[in-house]
Every structure is written in structure tokens, then in C-alpha cells.
Amino acid sequence: MDKLDALDEFARFGDNRFEAISVITSTPDTQGDVYILTQDVFCQVLQRVIDGEIDIDELELWANVLESRQDIDESAVEGAIYALSNNEQMGELNKSTLEKLLRIIH
């Protein structure tokens, strides 16, 4: 798995995300290609959280990583990523707020 594949796997909350994390953490985020997080991928992950496949706490950590990496372009959903990674300012994350966010974005 190369770095771009690892970023994609992590962003999609794929089955191999732990292997992807290992690749990502061993590679500088200023080196190589940039992964573009699309609105579709973001909405798929949000829906999986709403459906109970992904824990809300994991979503917050995911958003923090996406926001902090220089090799991930999350500009298509930048405001939503900010809201998820700064819930102390934006309010508590729960299924209802995630459903509202999904409706706004999608």
C-alpha cells in the first residue's frame, strides 16, 4: 500500500485503515501527492456513523487527522471537518446533529 492508497483507505474508514495508519505515520505529510477528500466520500462516512457502523468518537479523531494533514485536501468539506474536529465550540456530536450536517452538505 503506497501513501496515496493509505490516505484513501483512512479517509474512507476502510477495513485496512489500521495498516493505512501505519503507512501514513511513517511518511511525511509534506512529501508526494495530495489526497483529495470528496464530498461523496465524506457523506458516505457520515452516513456510516449515523447507521452505527462507526463510533462518533472515532469520527472526531478522523476529522482531526484530516484537518491536520498537509497531504489531504479537505477543502470540499472544510467547514464540516472543522465542525467535527472542534465540537467543544460547535456543540455536542450526536446522531441528530450528524443527520443535519449530512442534509446541509448533501
Protein backbone atom coordinates (compact mmCIF):
# COMPACT_ATOMS: atom_id res chain seq x y z
CA MET A 1 0.00 0.00 0.00
CA ASP A 2 1.51 3.32 -1.02
CA LYS A 3 0.86 6.61 0.76
CA LEU A 4 -1.96 7.77 -1.52
CA ASP A 5 -3.73 4.40 -1.17
CA ALA A 6 -3.26 4.64 2.59
CA LEU A 7 -4.76 8.13 2.72
CA ASP A 8 -7.73 6.93 0.67
CA GLU A 9 -8.22 3.88 2.91
CA PHE A 10 -8.08 6.06 6.03
CA ALA A 11 -10.43 8.70 4.59
CA ARG A 12 -12.99 6.06 3.62
CA PHE A 13 -12.75 4.27 7.00
CA GLY A 14 -11.81 1.15 5.07
CA ASP A 15 -11.26 -2.32 6.51
CA ASN A 16 -7.49 -1.85 6.23
CA ARG A 17 -7.38 1.56 7.93
CA PHE A 18 -5.02 0.37 10.68
CA GLU A 19 -2.49 -0.74 8.06
CA ALA A 20 -3.10 2.59 6.34
CA ILE A 21 -2.38 4.48 9.57
CA SER A 22 0.95 2.67 9.81
CA VAL A 23 1.87 3.77 6.28
CA ILE A 24 0.66 7.33 6.86
CA THR A 25 2.56 7.78 10.12
CA SER A 26 5.79 6.53 8.56
CA THR A 27 5.60 9.01 5.67
CA PRO A 28 6.00 12.79 5.98
CA ASP A 29 2.79 14.63 5.09
CA THR A 30 4.73 17.16 3.03
CA GLN A 31 6.10 14.52 0.67
CA GLY A 32 4.41 13.31 -2.52
CA ASP A 33 0.89 13.51 -3.84
CA VAL A 34 -2.11 15.07 -2.14
CA TYR A 35 -5.28 13.07 -1.46
CA ILE A 36 -8.48 14.95 -2.27
CA LEU A 37 -11.34 14.21 0.11
CA THR A 38 -14.53 14.47 -1.91
CA GLN A 39 -17.95 15.43 -0.68
CA ASP A 40 -19.20 11.94 -1.62
CA VAL A 41 -16.58 10.15 0.49
CA PHE A 42 -17.28 12.49 3.41
CA CYS A 43 -21.03 11.89 3.19
CA GLN A 44 -20.53 8.11 2.99
CA VAL A 45 -18.50 8.18 6.20
CA LEU A 46 -21.08 10.40 7.91
CA GLN A 47 -23.86 8.02 6.88
CA ARG A 48 -21.93 5.06 8.29
CA VAL A 49 -21.65 6.89 11.62
CA ILE A 50 -25.38 7.63 11.60
CA ASP A 51 -26.04 3.95 10.81
CA GLY A 52 -23.90 2.89 13.78
CA GLU A 53 -21.07 1.30 11.76
CA ILE A 54 -18.55 3.87 13.02
CA ASP A 55 -18.40 5.30 16.55
CA ILE A 56 -18.88 9.06 16.93
CA ASP A 57 -15.64 9.31 18.96
CA GLU A 58 -13.76 7.75 16.04
CA LEU A 59 -15.34 10.32 13.73
CA GLU A 60 -13.95 13.18 15.80
CA LEU A 61 -10.45 11.69 15.73
CA TRP A 62 -10.80 11.06 11.98
CA ALA A 63 -11.76 14.70 11.39
CA ASN A 64 -8.82 15.93 13.48
CA VAL A 65 -6.39 13.85 11.41
CA LEU A 66 -7.92 15.03 8.12
CA GLU A 67 -7.75 18.64 9.23
CA SER A 68 -4.13 18.44 10.38
CA ARG A 69 -2.57 16.61 7.40
CA GLN A 70 -0.95 18.74 4.71
CA ASP A 71 -1.24 15.87 2.22
CA ILE A 72 -5.06 15.76 2.48
CA ASP A 73 -7.11 18.39 0.68
CA GLU A 74 -10.40 18.55 2.54
CA SER A 75 -11.45 21.92 1.09
CA ALA A 76 -14.65 20.45 -0.42
CA VAL A 77 -15.96 19.86 3.11
CA GLU A 78 -13.65 22.11 5.13
CA GLY A 79 -16.37 23.70 7.25
CA ALA A 80 -17.87 20.34 8.16
CA ILE A 81 -14.45 18.90 9.03
CA TYR A 82 -13.85 21.93 11.26
CA ALA A 83 -17.21 21.41 12.99
CA LEU A 84 -16.48 17.73 13.63
CA SER A 85 -12.99 18.32 14.95
CA ASN A 86 -13.98 21.25 17.18
CA ASN A 87 -17.16 20.01 18.79
CA GLU A 88 -16.43 21.90 22.02
CA GLN A 89 -17.07 25.09 20.00
CA MET A 90 -19.68 23.70 17.63
CA GLY A 91 -21.75 21.67 20.10
CA GLU A 92 -22.04 18.01 21.02
CA LEU A 93 -21.88 15.47 18.23
CA ASN A 94 -24.81 13.09 18.14
CA LYS A 95 -26.88 11.30 15.54
CA SER A 96 -29.27 14.23 15.16
CA THR A 97 -26.52 16.81 14.54
CA LEU A 98 -24.80 14.46 12.08
CA GLU A 99 -28.06 13.98 10.18
CA LYS A 100 -28.45 17.78 9.95
CA LEU A 101 -24.87 18.13 8.76
CA LEU A 102 -25.41 15.45 6.13
CA ARG A 103 -28.55 17.21 4.85
CA ILE A 104 -26.68 20.51 4.60
CA ILE A 105 -23.75 19.04 2.70
CA HIS A 106 -25.54 16.54 0.51
